Amino acid sequence: MTPDQSATSSTGNAAANIREHMDVLGSCGNKVGIVDHVEGDTIRLTKRESPDGQHHRIPISWVDRVDEHVHLNLNHKQAQEQWQPA
């Protein structure tokens, strides 16, 4: 595994490794959404896979680690209950 492919666990470093179109997964392994882009200290999710067809924002502080996916420290239900409209 190259350094670019290794998991990043620090929230600050994780934000730098988040890329557009990455899957965002809850701690349960279920998909929360897809990264549209990072805006400051939040991740804007695409509306394409949103249950209500809208963009949502989640805070970077919810990120547990980043590898080929963005892994959150909340399960998908908690994330969907707490995300903010974009």
N, C-alpha and C. Protein backbone atom coordinates (compact mmCIF):
# COMPACT_ATOMS: atom_id res chain seq x y z
N MET A 1 0.85 -1.17 0.00
CA MET A 1 0.00 0.00 0.00
C MET A 1 0.90 1.24 0.00
N THR A 2 0.66 2.16 -0.90
CA THR A 2 1.46 3.38 -0.96
C THR A 2 0.97 4.35 0.10
N PRO A 3 1.75 5.38 0.43
CA PRO A 3 1.29 6.36 1.40
C PRO A 3 -0.01 7.03 0.98
N ASP A 4 -0.22 7.24 -0.33
CA ASP A 4 -1.45 7.86 -0.78
C ASP A 4 -2.65 6.96 -0.58
N GLN A 5 -2.45 5.65 -0.51
CA GLN A 5 -3.55 4.71 -0.35
C GLN A 5 -3.82 4.36 1.10
N SER A 6 -2.93 4.70 2.00
CA SER A 6 -3.11 4.33 3.40
C SER A 6 -4.25 5.11 4.03
N ALA A 7 -4.88 4.50 5.01
CA ALA A 7 -5.98 5.15 5.71
C ALA A 7 -5.45 6.32 6.52
N THR A 8 -6.20 7.39 6.58
CA THR A 8 -5.85 8.57 7.34
C THR A 8 -6.83 8.70 8.48
N SER A 9 -6.33 8.75 9.73
CA SER A 9 -7.24 8.78 10.86
C SER A 9 -7.36 10.15 11.50
N SER A 10 -6.41 11.04 11.31
CA SER A 10 -6.51 12.37 11.88
C SER A 10 -7.51 13.19 11.07
N THR A 11 -8.45 13.85 11.76
CA THR A 11 -9.49 14.59 11.07
C THR A 11 -8.90 15.65 10.15
N GLY A 12 -7.88 16.37 10.60
CA GLY A 12 -7.26 17.39 9.76
C GLY A 12 -6.66 16.80 8.50
N ASN A 13 -5.93 15.72 8.64
CA ASN A 13 -5.34 15.06 7.48
C ASN A 13 -6.41 14.41 6.63
N ALA A 14 -7.45 13.90 7.26
CA ALA A 14 -8.52 13.24 6.52
C ALA A 14 -9.18 14.21 5.55
N ALA A 15 -9.41 15.44 5.97
CA ALA A 15 -10.06 16.42 5.11
C ALA A 15 -9.26 16.65 3.83
N ALA A 16 -7.96 16.65 3.93
CA ALA A 16 -7.11 16.87 2.75
C ALA A 16 -7.19 15.70 1.78
N ASN A 17 -7.59 14.53 2.25
CA ASN A 17 -7.65 13.35 1.41
C ASN A 17 -9.04 13.07 0.85
N ILE A 18 -10.02 13.87 1.20
CA ILE A 18 -11.38 13.68 0.71
C ILE A 18 -11.47 14.24 -0.70
N ARG A 19 -11.96 13.42 -1.61
CA ARG A 19 -12.06 13.80 -3.02
C ARG A 19 -13.52 13.72 -3.47
N GLU A 20 -13.83 14.49 -4.50
CA GLU A 20 -15.17 14.44 -5.09
C GLU A 20 -15.49 13.02 -5.54
N HIS A 21 -16.73 12.66 -5.41
CA HIS A 21 -17.29 11.37 -5.85
C HIS A 21 -16.88 10.18 -5.00
N MET A 22 -16.25 10.43 -3.84
CA MET A 22 -15.96 9.32 -2.91
C MET A 22 -17.26 8.94 -2.20
N ASP A 23 -17.45 7.65 -1.95
CA ASP A 23 -18.58 7.20 -1.14
C ASP A 23 -18.33 7.58 0.31
N VAL A 24 -19.39 7.99 0.99
CA VAL A 24 -19.35 8.29 2.42
C VAL A 24 -20.11 7.18 3.12
N LEU A 25 -19.44 6.49 4.03
CA LEU A 25 -20.03 5.35 4.72
C LEU A 25 -20.18 5.62 6.21
N GLY A 26 -21.30 5.20 6.77
CA GLY A 26 -21.49 5.28 8.21
C GLY A 26 -20.64 4.24 8.91
N SER A 27 -20.52 4.35 10.21
CA SER A 27 -19.73 3.39 10.99
C SER A 27 -20.29 1.98 10.89
N CYS A 28 -21.55 1.88 10.48
CA CYS A 28 -22.22 0.59 10.29
C CYS A 28 -21.87 -0.04 8.95
N GLY A 29 -21.22 0.72 8.07
CA GLY A 29 -20.86 0.24 6.74
C GLY A 29 -21.86 0.61 5.66
N ASN A 30 -23.02 1.16 6.05
CA ASN A 30 -24.03 1.57 5.08
C ASN A 30 -23.67 2.92 4.47
N LYS A 31 -24.01 3.09 3.22
CA LYS A 31 -23.69 4.31 2.49
C LYS A 31 -24.57 5.47 2.94
N VAL A 32 -23.93 6.59 3.25
CA VAL A 32 -24.63 7.81 3.64
C VAL A 32 -24.84 8.70 2.41
N GLY A 33 -23.87 8.72 1.52
CA GLY A 33 -23.95 9.55 0.33
C GLY A 33 -22.66 9.54 -0.44
N ILE A 34 -22.52 10.52 -1.34
CA ILE A 34 -21.34 10.68 -2.17
C ILE A 34 -20.86 12.12 -2.01
N VAL A 35 -19.56 12.29 -1.90
CA VAL A 35 -18.97 13.62 -1.76
C VAL A 35 -19.20 14.42 -3.03
N ASP A 36 -19.80 15.59 -2.88
CA ASP A 36 -19.88 16.56 -3.97
C ASP A 36 -18.58 17.38 -3.91
N HIS A 37 -18.33 18.00 -2.77
CA HIS A 37 -17.06 18.69 -2.53
C HIS A 37 -16.96 19.10 -1.06
N VAL A 38 -15.76 19.47 -0.67
CA VAL A 38 -15.50 19.95 0.69
C VAL A 38 -15.66 21.46 0.69
N GLU A 39 -16.40 21.97 1.65
CA GLU A 39 -16.62 23.41 1.82
C GLU A 39 -16.20 23.79 3.23
N GLY A 40 -15.01 24.33 3.37
CA GLY A 40 -14.52 24.72 4.69
C GLY A 40 -14.40 23.50 5.59
N ASP A 41 -15.17 23.49 6.68
CA ASP A 41 -15.11 22.36 7.62
C ASP A 41 -16.29 21.42 7.46
N THR A 42 -16.92 21.44 6.28
CA THR A 42 -18.03 20.53 6.01
C THR A 42 -17.84 19.83 4.67
N ILE A 43 -18.53 18.71 4.54
CA ILE A 43 -18.56 17.95 3.29
C ILE A 43 -19.96 18.13 2.73
N ARG A 44 -20.03 18.57 1.50
CA ARG A 44 -21.33 18.67 0.81
C ARG A 44 -21.54 17.37 0.05
N LEU A 45 -22.68 16.73 0.30
CA LEU A 45 -23.01 15.48 -0.36
C LEU A 45 -23.84 15.75 -1.61
N THR A 46 -23.69 14.90 -2.62
CA THR A 46 -24.48 15.05 -3.84
C THR A 46 -25.95 14.80 -3.53
N LYS A 47 -26.80 15.40 -4.34
CA LYS A 47 -28.24 15.17 -4.16
C LYS A 47 -28.70 13.91 -4.89
N ARG A 48 -27.85 13.39 -5.76
CA ARG A 48 -28.22 12.24 -6.60
C ARG A 48 -28.69 11.04 -5.78
N GLU A 49 -28.02 10.74 -4.68
CA GLU A 49 -28.38 9.57 -3.88
C GLU A 49 -29.04 9.94 -2.56
N SER A 50 -29.41 11.19 -2.42
CA SER A 50 -30.06 11.64 -1.20
C SER A 50 -31.51 11.16 -1.17
N PRO A 51 -32.00 10.70 -0.02
CA PRO A 51 -33.38 10.21 0.04
C PRO A 51 -34.42 11.29 -0.29
N ASP A 52 -34.08 12.57 -0.08
CA ASP A 52 -35.04 13.64 -0.38
C ASP A 52 -34.64 14.44 -1.63
N GLY A 53 -33.61 13.99 -2.34
CA GLY A 53 -33.21 14.65 -3.57
C GLY A 53 -32.54 16.00 -3.37
N GLN A 54 -32.05 16.26 -2.16
CA GLN A 54 -31.41 17.54 -1.84
C GLN A 54 -29.96 17.33 -1.45
N HIS A 55 -29.16 18.40 -1.60
CA HIS A 55 -27.79 18.39 -1.08
C HIS A 55 -27.85 18.47 0.45
N HIS A 56 -26.90 17.83 1.11
CA HIS A 56 -26.78 17.92 2.57
C HIS A 56 -25.33 18.15 2.92
N ARG A 57 -25.10 18.74 4.09
CA ARG A 57 -23.75 18.97 4.60
C ARG A 57 -23.55 18.16 5.87
N ILE A 58 -22.34 17.63 5.99
CA ILE A 58 -21.95 16.96 7.23
C ILE A 58 -20.61 17.55 7.66
N PRO A 59 -20.39 17.67 8.96
CA PRO A 59 -19.12 18.25 9.43
C PRO A 59 -17.94 17.29 9.24
N ILE A 60 -16.80 17.85 8.96
CA ILE A 60 -15.56 17.07 8.84
C ILE A 60 -15.29 16.33 10.15
N SER A 61 -15.75 16.88 11.28
CA SER A 61 -15.50 16.24 12.57
C SER A 61 -16.14 14.86 12.67
N TRP A 62 -17.09 14.54 11.80
CA TRP A 62 -17.70 13.21 11.79
C TRP A 62 -16.81 12.18 11.11
N VAL A 63 -15.77 12.62 10.42
CA VAL A 63 -14.92 11.69 9.68
C VAL A 63 -14.01 10.94 10.64
N ASP A 64 -14.08 9.62 10.57
CA ASP A 64 -13.22 8.76 11.37
C ASP A 64 -11.91 8.49 10.63
N ARG A 65 -12.03 8.16 9.33
CA ARG A 65 -10.84 7.91 8.52
C ARG A 65 -11.22 8.00 7.04
N VAL A 66 -10.18 8.13 6.23
CA VAL A 66 -10.37 8.19 4.79
C VAL A 66 -9.42 7.19 4.15
N ASP A 67 -9.96 6.30 3.31
CA ASP A 67 -9.14 5.42 2.48
C ASP A 67 -9.72 5.57 1.08
N GLU A 68 -10.21 4.53 0.48
CA GLU A 68 -10.89 4.71 -0.80
C GLU A 68 -12.30 5.25 -0.60
N HIS A 69 -12.77 5.29 0.65
CA HIS A 69 -14.06 5.84 1.04
C HIS A 69 -13.85 6.79 2.21
N VAL A 70 -14.87 7.60 2.49
CA VAL A 70 -14.89 8.44 3.68
C VAL A 70 -15.70 7.67 4.72
N HIS A 71 -15.08 7.35 5.84
CA HIS A 71 -15.73 6.58 6.90
C HIS A 71 -16.08 7.53 8.05
N LEU A 72 -17.34 7.50 8.45
CA LEU A 72 -17.80 8.37 9.54
C LEU A 72 -17.76 7.66 10.88
N ASN A 73 -17.80 8.46 11.95
CA ASN A 73 -17.84 7.89 13.30
C ASN A 73 -19.28 7.81 13.82
N LEU A 74 -20.26 8.00 12.93
CA LEU A 74 -21.68 7.81 13.23
C LEU A 74 -22.23 6.78 12.25
N ASN A 75 -23.28 6.08 12.64
CA ASN A 75 -23.90 5.17 11.68
C ASN A 75 -24.73 5.99 10.68
N HIS A 76 -25.19 5.35 9.63
CA HIS A 76 -25.87 6.09 8.56
C HIS A 76 -27.16 6.75 9.04
N LYS A 77 -27.86 6.13 9.95
CA LYS A 77 -29.11 6.73 10.46
C LYS A 77 -28.82 7.97 11.29
N GLN A 78 -27.81 7.91 12.15
CA GLN A 78 -27.44 9.07 12.95
C GLN A 78 -27.01 10.22 12.03
N ALA A 79 -26.22 9.90 11.01
CA ALA A 79 -25.77 10.94 10.09
C ALA A 79 -26.94 11.59 9.37
N GLN A 80 -27.87 10.80 8.90
CA GLN A 80 -29.03 11.35 8.18
C GLN A 80 -29.95 12.15 9.09
N GLU A 81 -30.01 11.77 10.36
CA GLU A 81 -30.83 12.53 11.31
C GLU A 81 -30.20 13.88 11.65
N GLN A 82 -28.87 13.95 11.58
CA GLN A 82 -28.16 15.15 12.03
C GLN A 82 -27.58 16.02 10.92
N TRP A 83 -27.61 15.53 9.65
CA TRP A 83 -27.02 16.36 8.59
C TRP A 83 -27.83 17.62 8.38
N GLN A 84 -27.21 18.60 7.78
CA GLN A 84 -27.84 19.89 7.56
C GLN A 84 -28.13 20.08 6.06
N PRO A 85 -29.20 20.80 5.73
CA PRO A 85 -29.44 21.10 4.32
C PRO A 85 -28.32 22.00 3.78
N ALA A 86 -28.02 21.84 2.52
CA ALA A 86 -26.93 22.63 1.92
C ALA A 86 -27.44 23.89 1.29
